Amino acid sequence: MKKRIRYLTIIFVFLNIVFAQYNNLNFSDPLSETALYPVPKEMSFEEYQDMNRRMSQALLWSSIPIPGITHYYAGDKKKAKKIFYVGASGFACIVGGLLYMKDAEWPDNRDNYFIQNQYQDNERWFEKTPVSVDISESGEESVQYSLKEIQKESDGGGGFLIFIGAAIVLGDLVYDRIVGLRLIEQKRDKVRFKYGQKLNFSFDPLLSPSIKEIKLNFKFPFG
């Protein structure tokens, strides 16, 4: 009888814990404060922060396209600044490339082009390519051309800077997200492993038939 009550008590406590966790995950207010739990005396505030960093919150911060923001949430502010400055340099390259690029223009040499609607808003240029030569009875040559439409061209001086800047910003964001999320996970595991070894959990249900009551003793000693 005592053994059966012990098992029923364990199942009851376990179901209550599971139900409480389910409610906490699915029906809790996301803006409410975190519940207060006992903390080991030797745990530093930095370790406490590392243990309570949430991956869902990290992913939310990572959705903001700011270089270094994931490392900043992970607590590595020094590296977050370096990543931010690298991303800022890439953005500066993009801006510099845009400023250096000139407006697209038609070619300076017009001899080999057929121009339609010249000096008008709907001006069109066609490159002439010789395909055949006809000779008339009088001996005059008439060259036949195929026409290929072209568009205005820029010198492309800033294109390389734009490409380099975009590559820097993209690589910086990817590095920040991948390494930052892994850093959060490593810090959490490190703190949980360190203090989890010191945690001794004991559960001791006591049955008193004389007074018809059940007592539950929980112990969470550290060290």
C-alpha atoms as a PDB file:
ATOM      1  CA  MET A   1       0.000   0.000   0.000  1.00  0.00           C
ATOM      2  CA  LYS A   2       2.733   2.410   0.944  1.00  0.00           C
ATOM      3  CA  LYS A   3       4.645   1.639  -2.256  1.00  0.00           C
ATOM      4  CA  ARG A   4       1.554   2.218  -4.385  1.00  0.00           C
ATOM      5  CA  ILE A   5       0.877   5.577  -2.735  1.00  0.00           C
ATOM      6  CA  ARG A   6       4.508   6.519  -3.334  1.00  0.00           C
ATOM      7  CA  TYR A   7       4.193   5.816  -7.061  1.00  0.00           C
ATOM      8  CA  LEU A   8       0.882   7.661  -7.301  1.00  0.00           C
ATOM      9  CA  THR A   9       2.395  10.653  -5.549  1.00  0.00           C
ATOM     10  CA  ILE A  10       5.354  10.720  -7.941  1.00  0.00           C
ATOM     11  CA  ILE A  11       3.027  10.520 -10.953  1.00  0.00           C
ATOM     12  CA  PHE A  12       0.826  13.273  -9.532  1.00  0.00           C
ATOM     13  CA  VAL A  13       3.777  15.604  -8.967  1.00  0.00           C
ATOM     14  CA  PHE A  14       5.206  14.831 -12.400  1.00  0.00           C
ATOM     15  CA  LEU A  15       1.898  15.558 -14.149  1.00  0.00           C
ATOM     16  CA  ASN A  16       1.559  18.825 -12.259  1.00  0.00           C
ATOM     17  CA  ILE A  17       5.048  19.885 -13.333  1.00  0.00           C
ATOM     18  CA  VAL A  18       4.350  18.984 -16.978  1.00  0.00           C
ATOM     19  CA  PHE A  19       1.011  20.802 -16.921  1.00  0.00           C
ATOM     20  CA  ALA A  20       2.610  23.890 -15.390  1.00  0.00           C
ATOM     21  CA  GLN A  21       5.345  23.904 -18.038  1.00  0.00           C
ATOM     22  CA  TYR A  22       2.769  23.506 -20.800  1.00  0.00           C
ATOM     23  CA  ASN A  23       0.785  26.467 -19.514  1.00  0.00           C
ATOM     24  CA  ASN A  24       3.941  28.497 -19.147  1.00  0.00           C
ATOM     25  CA  LEU A  25       4.951  27.870 -22.764  1.00  0.00           C
ATOM     26  CA  ASN A  26       1.561  28.250 -24.403  1.00  0.00           C
ATOM     27  CA  PHE A  27      -0.557  30.533 -22.250  1.00  0.00           C
ATOM     28  CA  SER A  28       1.872  32.757 -20.402  1.00  0.00           C
ATOM     29  CA  ASP A  29       2.072  36.472 -20.972  1.00  0.00           C
ATOM     30  CA  PRO A  30       5.230  37.138 -23.062  1.00  0.00           C
ATOM     31  CA  LEU A  31       5.635  40.502 -21.328  1.00  0.00           C
ATOM     32  CA  SER A  32       5.365  39.155 -17.795  1.00  0.00           C
ATOM     33  CA  GLU A  33       8.364  38.893 -15.508  1.00  0.00           C
ATOM     34  CA  THR A  34      10.298  35.655 -15.149  1.00  0.00           C
ATOM     35  CA  ALA A  35       9.502  33.651 -12.052  1.00  0.00           C
ATOM     36  CA  LEU A  36      12.062  33.842  -9.250  1.00  0.00           C
ATOM     37  CA  TYR A  37      14.002  30.663  -8.505  1.00  0.00           C
ATOM     38  CA  PRO A  38      16.756  29.869  -5.990  1.00  0.00           C
ATOM     39  CA  VAL A  39      20.235  30.752  -7.270  1.00  0.00           C
ATOM     40  CA  PRO A  40      23.512  29.303  -5.946  1.00  0.00           C
ATOM     41  CA  LYS A  41      25.485  31.850  -3.924  1.00  0.00           C
ATOM     42  CA  GLU A  42      28.640  31.328  -5.965  1.00  0.00           C
ATOM     43  CA  MET A  43      26.856  32.010  -9.276  1.00  0.00           C
ATOM     44  CA  SER A  44      27.868  35.365 -10.738  1.00  0.00           C
ATOM     45  CA  PHE A  45      25.416  37.754 -12.356  1.00  0.00           C
ATOM     46  CA  GLU A  46      27.067  37.159 -15.736  1.00  0.00           C
ATOM     47  CA  GLU A  47      26.546  33.404 -15.371  1.00  0.00           C
ATOM     48  CA  TYR A  48      22.941  34.011 -14.353  1.00  0.00           C
ATOM     49  CA  GLN A  49      22.416  36.063 -17.517  1.00  0.00           C
ATOM     50  CA  ASP A  50      24.092  33.401 -19.675  1.00  0.00           C
ATOM     51  CA  MET A  51      21.882  30.671 -18.218  1.00  0.00           C
ATOM     52  CA  ASN A  52      18.660  32.604 -18.857  1.00  0.00           C
ATOM     53  CA  ARG A  53      19.301  33.762 -22.408  1.00  0.00           C
ATOM     54  CA  ARG A  54      16.590  32.392 -24.682  1.00  0.00           C
ATOM     55  CA  MET A  55      17.150  31.180 -28.226  1.00  0.00           C
ATOM     56  CA  SER A  56      13.724  32.490 -29.262  1.00  0.00           C
ATOM     57  CA  GLN A  57      14.700  35.951 -28.060  1.00  0.00           C
ATOM     58  CA  ALA A  58      18.064  35.631 -29.818  1.00  0.00           C
ATOM     59  CA  LEU A  59      16.351  34.750 -33.095  1.00  0.00           C
ATOM     60  CA  LEU A  60      14.051  37.744 -32.674  1.00  0.00           C
ATOM     61  CA  TRP A  61      17.021  40.073 -32.214  1.00  0.00           C
ATOM     62  CA  SER A  62      18.838  38.396 -35.119  1.00  0.00           C
ATOM     63  CA  SER A  63      15.982  39.279 -37.457  1.00  0.00           C
ATOM     64  CA  ILE A  64      17.073  42.930 -37.182  1.00  0.00           C
ATOM     65  CA  PRO A  65      19.681  43.529 -39.951  1.00  0.00           C
ATOM     66  CA  ILE A  66      22.284  45.173 -37.711  1.00  0.00           C
ATOM     67  CA  PRO A  67      25.773  43.591 -37.685  1.00  0.00           C
ATOM     68  CA  GLY A  68      26.821  42.412 -34.227  1.00  0.00           C
ATOM     69  CA  ILE A  69      23.372  42.423 -32.636  1.00  0.00           C
ATOM     70  CA  THR A  70      23.383  38.650 -32.001  1.00  0.00           C
ATOM     71  CA  HIS A  71      26.772  38.778 -30.266  1.00  0.00           C
ATOM     72  CA  TYR A  72      25.527  41.766 -28.265  1.00  0.00           C
ATOM     73  CA  TYR A  73      22.586  39.715 -26.970  1.00  0.00           C
ATOM     74  CA  ALA A  74      24.980  36.835 -26.287  1.00  0.00           C
ATOM     75  CA  GLY A  75      26.912  39.098 -23.908  1.00  0.00           C
ATOM     76  CA  ASP A  76      30.063  39.444 -26.038  1.00  0.00           C
ATOM     77  CA  LYS A  77      29.852  43.214 -26.466  1.00  0.00           C
ATOM     78  CA  LYS A  78      33.523  43.610 -27.407  1.00  0.00           C
ATOM     79  CA  LYS A  79      33.201  41.304 -30.397  1.00  0.00           C
ATOM     80  CA  ALA A  80      29.806  42.791 -31.224  1.00  0.00           C
ATOM     81  CA  LYS A  81      31.478  46.189 -31.706  1.00  0.00           C
ATOM     82  CA  LYS A  82      34.111  44.695 -34.020  1.00  0.00           C
ATOM     83  CA  ILE A  83      31.434  42.999 -36.116  1.00  0.00           C
ATOM     84  CA  PHE A  84      29.460  46.244 -36.254  1.00  0.00           C
ATOM     85  CA  TYR A  85      32.487  48.223 -37.453  1.00  0.00           C
ATOM     86  CA  VAL A  86      33.229  45.619 -40.137  1.00  0.00           C
ATOM     87  CA  GLY A  87      29.634  45.846 -41.346  1.00  0.00           C
ATOM     88  CA  ALA A  88      29.816  49.653 -41.274  1.00  0.00           C
ATOM     89  CA  SER A  89      32.931  49.558 -43.470  1.00  0.00           C
ATOM     90  CA  GLY A  90      31.086  47.357 -45.971  1.00  0.00           C
ATOM     91  CA  PHE A  91      28.162  49.785 -45.991  1.00  0.00           C
ATOM     92  CA  ALA A  92      30.611  52.654 -46.561  1.00  0.00           C
ATOM     93  CA  CYS A  93      32.002  50.794 -49.597  1.00  0.00           C
ATOM     94  CA  ILE A  94      28.491  50.490 -51.017  1.00  0.00           C
ATOM     95  CA  VAL A  95      27.793  54.203 -50.518  1.00  0.00           C
ATOM     96  CA  GLY A  96      31.177  55.136 -51.993  1.00  0.00           C
ATOM     97  CA  GLY A  97      30.561  52.941 -55.019  1.00  0.00           C
ATOM     98  CA  LEU A  98      27.156  54.527 -55.609  1.00  0.00           C
ATOM     99  CA  LEU A  99      28.630  58.020 -55.368  1.00  0.00           C
ATOM    100  CA  TYR A 100      31.516  57.141 -57.684  1.00  0.00           C
ATOM    101  CA  MET A 101      29.309  55.681 -60.379  1.00  0.00           C
ATOM    102  CA  LYS A 102      28.293  58.092 -63.109  1.00  0.00           C
ATOM    103  CA  ASP A 103      24.971  58.215 -64.894  1.00  0.00           C
ATOM    104  CA  ALA A 104      24.686  55.869 -67.838  1.00  0.00           C
ATOM    105  CA  GLU A 105      25.417  57.574 -71.171  1.00  0.00           C
ATOM    106  CA  TRP A 106      25.406  56.748 -74.860  1.00  0.00           C
ATOM    107  CA  PRO A 107      28.770  55.933 -76.490  1.00  0.00           C
ATOM    108  CA  ASP A 108      30.855  58.916 -77.601  1.00  0.00           C
ATOM    109  CA  ASN A 109      31.512  57.435 -81.052  1.00  0.00           C
ATOM    110  CA  ARG A 110      28.354  57.509 -83.157  1.00  0.00           C
ATOM    111  CA  ASP A 111      29.766  56.305 -86.489  1.00  0.00           C
ATOM    112  CA  ASN A 112      28.820  52.657 -86.092  1.00  0.00           C
ATOM    113  CA  TYR A 113      25.325  53.228 -84.726  1.00  0.00           C
ATOM    114  CA  PHE A 114      21.898  53.929 -86.111  1.00  0.00           C
ATOM    115  CA  ILE A 115      20.117  56.461 -83.894  1.00  0.00           C
ATOM    116  CA  GLN A 116      16.367  56.733 -83.725  1.00  0.00           C
ATOM    117  CA  ASN A 117      14.560  59.749 -82.217  1.00  0.00           C
ATOM    118  CA  GLN A 118      17.851  61.499 -81.522  1.00  0.00           C
ATOM    119  CA  TYR A 119      17.909  63.970 -78.590  1.00  0.00           C
ATOM    120  CA  GLN A 120      14.421  62.951 -77.519  1.00  0.00           C
ATOM    121  CA  ASP A 121      13.216  61.149 -74.415  1.00  0.00           C
ATOM    122  CA  ASN A 122      12.502  57.980 -76.399  1.00  0.00           C
ATOM    123  CA  GLU A 123      15.911  57.977 -78.099  1.00  0.00           C
ATOM    124  CA  ARG A 124      17.079  54.519 -79.208  1.00  0.00           C
ATOM    125  CA  TRP A 125      20.466  53.317 -80.433  1.00  0.00           C
ATOM    126  CA  PHE A 126      21.217  50.324 -82.652  1.00  0.00           C
ATOM    127  CA  GLU A 127      24.627  48.860 -83.336  1.00  0.00           C
ATOM    128  CA  LYS A 128      25.225  48.246 -87.046  1.00  0.00           C
ATOM    129  CA  THR A 129      26.855  44.994 -88.115  1.00  0.00           C
ATOM    130  CA  PRO A 130      27.636  44.487 -91.868  1.00  0.00           C
ATOM    131  CA  VAL A 131      26.032  41.319 -93.250  1.00  0.00           C
ATOM    132  CA  SER A 132      26.287  41.721 -97.025  1.00  0.00           C
ATOM    133  CA  VAL A 133      27.435  44.056 -99.816  1.00  0.00           C
ATOM    134  CA  ASP A 134      25.313  44.699-102.915  1.00  0.00           C
ATOM    135  CA  ILE A 135      26.881  46.142-106.084  1.00  0.00           C
ATOM    136  CA  SER A 136      24.629  48.045-108.438  1.00  0.00           C
ATOM    137  CA  GLU A 137      24.945  48.106-112.248  1.00  0.00           C
ATOM    138  CA  SER A 138      26.742  51.413-111.978  1.00  0.00           C
ATOM    139  CA  GLY A 139      29.333  49.823-109.715  1.00  0.00           C
ATOM    140  CA  GLU A 140      28.203  51.461-106.503  1.00  0.00           C
ATOM    141  CA  GLU A 141      28.446  49.373-103.355  1.00  0.00           C
ATOM    142  CA  SER A 142      25.545  49.178-100.916  1.00  0.00           C
ATOM    143  CA  VAL A 143      26.290  47.656 -97.523  1.00  0.00           C
ATOM    144  CA  GLN A 144      23.477  45.862 -95.707  1.00  0.00           C
ATOM    145  CA  TYR A 145      23.504  45.929 -91.886  1.00  0.00           C
ATOM    146  CA  SER A 146      21.834  44.006 -89.116  1.00  0.00           C
ATOM    147  CA  LEU A 147      20.742  46.176 -86.217  1.00  0.00           C
ATOM    148  CA  LYS A 148      21.121  45.289 -82.545  1.00  0.00           C
ATOM    149  CA  GLU A 149      19.650  47.623 -79.965  1.00  0.00           C
ATOM    150  CA  ILE A 150      21.947  48.759 -77.164  1.00  0.00           C
ATOM    151  CA  GLN A 151      21.353  50.563 -73.885  1.00  0.00           C
ATOM    152  CA  LYS A 152      23.143  53.373 -72.128  1.00  0.00           C
ATOM    153  CA  GLU A 153      26.322  52.311 -70.400  1.00  0.00           C
ATOM    154  CA  SER A 154      28.125  53.547 -67.300  1.00  0.00           C
ATOM    155  CA  ASP A 155      31.860  53.439 -66.802  1.00  0.00           C
ATOM    156  CA  GLY A 156      31.351  50.866 -64.002  1.00  0.00           C
ATOM    157  CA  GLY A 157      33.942  52.521 -61.780  1.00  0.00           C
ATOM    158  CA  GLY A 158      31.903  52.050 -58.601  1.00  0.00           C
ATOM    159  CA  GLY A 159      30.566  48.603 -59.374  1.00  0.00           C
ATOM    160  CA  PHE A 160      33.544  46.839 -57.812  1.00  0.00           C
ATOM    161  CA  LEU A 161      33.200  48.828 -54.585  1.00  0.00           C
ATOM    162  CA  ILE A 162      29.498  48.005 -54.411  1.00  0.00           C
ATOM    163  CA  PHE A 163      30.223  44.302 -54.916  1.00  0.00           C
ATOM    164  CA  ILE A 164      32.941  44.275 -52.236  1.00  0.00           C
ATOM    165  CA  GLY A 165      30.754  46.211 -49.791  1.00  0.00           C
ATOM    166  CA  ALA A 166      27.761  43.922 -50.319  1.00  0.00           C
ATOM    167  CA  ALA A 167      29.955  40.839 -49.807  1.00  0.00           C
ATOM    168  CA  ILE A 168      31.355  42.289 -46.556  1.00  0.00           C
ATOM    169  CA  VAL A 169      27.922  43.164 -45.152  1.00  0.00           C
ATOM    170  CA  LEU A 170      26.389  39.817 -46.107  1.00  0.00           C
ATOM    171  CA  GLY A 171      29.306  37.804 -44.727  1.00  0.00           C
ATOM    172  CA  ASP A 172      29.304  39.901 -41.564  1.00  0.00           C
ATOM    173  CA  LEU A 173      25.599  39.291 -40.934  1.00  0.00           C
ATOM    174  CA  VAL A 174      25.878  35.549 -41.576  1.00  0.00           C
ATOM    175  CA  TYR A 175      28.916  35.249 -39.290  1.00  0.00           C
ATOM    176  CA  ASP A 176      27.194  37.209 -36.522  1.00  0.00           C
ATOM    177  CA  ARG A 177      24.083  35.026 -36.644  1.00  0.00           C
ATOM    178  CA  ILE A 178      25.739  31.615 -36.880  1.00  0.00           C
ATOM    179  CA  VAL A 179      28.574  32.203 -34.406  1.00  0.00           C
ATOM    180  CA  GLY A 180      26.416  34.321 -32.080  1.00  0.00           C
ATOM    181  CA  LEU A 181      23.673  31.707 -31.731  1.00  0.00           C
ATOM    182  CA  ARG A 182      26.270  29.015 -31.137  1.00  0.00           C
ATOM    183  CA  LEU A 183      27.915  31.212 -28.494  1.00  0.00           C
ATOM    184  CA  ILE A 184      24.609  31.578 -26.632  1.00  0.00           C
ATOM    185  CA  GLU A 185      24.115  27.821 -26.635  1.00  0.00           C
ATOM    186  CA  GLN A 186      27.683  27.174 -25.445  1.00  0.00           C
ATOM    187  CA  LYS A 187      27.384  29.691 -22.597  1.00  0.00           C
ATOM    188  CA  ARG A 188      24.088  28.217 -21.438  1.00  0.00           C
ATOM    189  CA  ASP A 189      25.437  24.674 -21.532  1.00  0.00           C
ATOM    190  CA  LYS A 190      28.577  25.712 -19.645  1.00  0.00           C
ATOM    191  CA  VAL A 191      26.655  27.299 -16.765  1.00  0.00           C
ATOM    192  CA  ARG A 192      24.052  24.533 -16.571  1.00  0.00           C
ATOM    193  CA  PHE A 193      26.746  21.841 -16.553  1.00  0.00           C
ATOM    194  CA  LYS A 194      28.803  23.666 -13.919  1.00  0.00           C
ATOM    195  CA  TYR A 195      25.994  24.117 -11.413  1.00  0.00           C
ATOM    196  CA  GLY A 196      24.048  21.035 -12.455  1.00  0.00           C
ATOM    197  CA  GLN A 197      26.865  18.905 -11.043  1.00  0.00           C
ATOM    198  CA  LYS A 198      26.422  20.617  -7.684  1.00  0.00           C
ATOM    199  CA  LEU A 199      22.661  20.166  -7.601  1.00  0.00           C
ATOM    200  CA  ASN A 200      21.336  17.268  -5.519  1.00  0.00           C
ATOM    201  CA  PHE A 201      17.604  16.730  -5.888  1.00  0.00           C
ATOM    202  CA  SER A 202      15.804  14.451  -3.466  1.00  0.00           C
ATOM    203  CA  PHE A 203      12.127  13.522  -3.269  1.00  0.00           C
ATOM    204  CA  ASP A 204      10.851  11.756  -0.156  1.00  0.00           C
ATOM    205  CA  PRO A 205       7.089  11.168   0.297  1.00  0.00           C
ATOM    206  CA  LEU A 206       6.108  10.276   3.867  1.00  0.00           C
ATOM    207  CA  LEU A 207       2.954   8.368   4.734  1.00  0.00           C
ATOM    208  CA  SER A 208       1.438   8.682   8.204  1.00  0.00           C
ATOM    209  CA  PRO A 209      -1.512   6.251   8.542  1.00  0.00           C
ATOM    210  CA  SER A 210      -2.142   7.333  12.112  1.00  0.00           C
ATOM    211  CA  ILE A 211      -2.976  10.904  11.188  1.00  0.00           C
ATOM    212  CA  LYS A 212      -4.111  10.085   7.624  1.00  0.00           C
ATOM    213  CA  GLU A 213      -1.860  12.499   5.766  1.00  0.00           C
ATOM    214  CA  ILE A 214       0.914  12.438   3.173  1.00  0.00           C
ATOM    215  CA  LYS A 215       4.005  14.631   3.442  1.00  0.00           C
ATOM    216  CA  LEU A 216       6.280  15.524   0.543  1.00  0.00           C
ATOM    217  CA  ASN A 217       9.867  16.600   1.174  1.00  0.00           C
ATOM    218  CA  PHE A 218      11.876  18.284  -1.591  1.00  0.00           C
ATOM    219  CA  LYS A 219      15.537  19.151  -1.158  1.00  0.00           C
ATOM    220  CA  PHE A 220      17.675  21.220  -3.527  1.00  0.00           C
ATOM    221  CA  PRO A 221      21.063  21.523  -1.815  1.00  0.00           C
ATOM    222  CA  PHE A 222      24.011  22.930  -3.790  1.00  0.00           C
ATOM    223  CA  GLY A 223      27.553  21.778  -3.326  1.00  0.00           C
END
